[in-house]
Amino acid sequence: MIVCLTTIRTYINRGKGTRHEACAKDEKIKNKKMNILITGGNGQLGNEMRKISTRSVSDSYFFTDVTELDITKSDDIRQMMKEKQISVVVNCAAYTNVDKAEDNEELADLLNHKAAENLAVACKEQDALLIHISTDYVFGGLKNTPISENEPVNPLAVYGKTKLDGEKAVINSGCRYLIFRTAWLYSSFGNNFVKTMLKLTREKDKLSVVFDQVGSPTYAGDLASVIFKAIEERLYNQHQGIYHFTDEGVCSWYDFTVEIAELSGQKCDVQPCHSNEFPSKVKRPSFSVLDKTKVKKDFGVIIPHWKVSLKKCIKEITGK
């Protein structure tokens, strides 16, 4: 078989042209200025997004909380998105009090499910991307190996059920979306486990903390970083769907508390105990370690160990 060199060169050049055109198109998309709407801007993750957004070279970030935007009202969402020409919505708003959700199911459902649906529908209408935050509580916690994104869901409490319903509403809306499931979130903002334990280990000589619930603590600043990376580098153009994100490593709430006390220099005697020693109407997952293989592969992120991030956060809180 004789192949003409001119023909070969033609095919090669065509291939080059196609690659150059694709690269040029990707670069154009990446350099296009966008307006980003952050809901729940005064919460832990919202405040971390506020901090990291100052690094943006070209995009504009608009931060709202309930006083600026009530996400339970569809028309208000549509109006703001249209006025600000929003390209991406990051939904950091949620009802997160796991215990109180059992007695306030209607309110939890309104904020975790119906509000998420409102945002998703508005994003679909305006061809915007929705980045939605979910939780490990959508799982039953019966496994003993890291949980991947495609594992069967089985929420044990109202909080988990309403968050799962929110996920379904986002997916069923037909909008473009990224859903980040996370766990054991803390930061220097708001109320959280780290701040509570800093206070208790300072005030008490002895403290009992459950050791039969295992997971991965997540510094909200680390979650904000991967969201910011996805937006700024336009990674969502290639990757969408559900992702798991926590910091690396595994511990119990007892281990977590021991590390908090040590890093803050407290001499409190922290002892392990069983969950049934603290009666609660909420059944919590006993194992909620999320598998982060997918997010590391698709987004190219290097996730810090929870002890490293905890040390950073405690320094922010205490100034030491």
Foldseek 3Di string as FASTA:
>chain_A
DDDDPVVVVVVVVVVVVVVVVVVVVLVVVLPDEFEEEEEPLQDQLNVLLVVVVVPFDGYHYDYDYCVQANLLDLVRLLVVCVVRVHAEYEYPWADPPQQCCQVVLVVRLSTQANSLLSNLLSCQVSQHEYEYEAELQQAQQPDDDAAEPPDDGDHQGSNNVSNVNSVVSNVVSPHFYEYEYEYQEDFLHDDHDLVVLLVDLQVDQEEEDAFQAKEAHAYSNLVSVLVVLCVSSVLSVPDTDYAYDGADDMGGSQVVSVLSCVLVVGNHHYHYDHPVVPDGPTDGRSYRYHDHPVSCVSRVDDGHGRSVVSSVRVCVNPVD
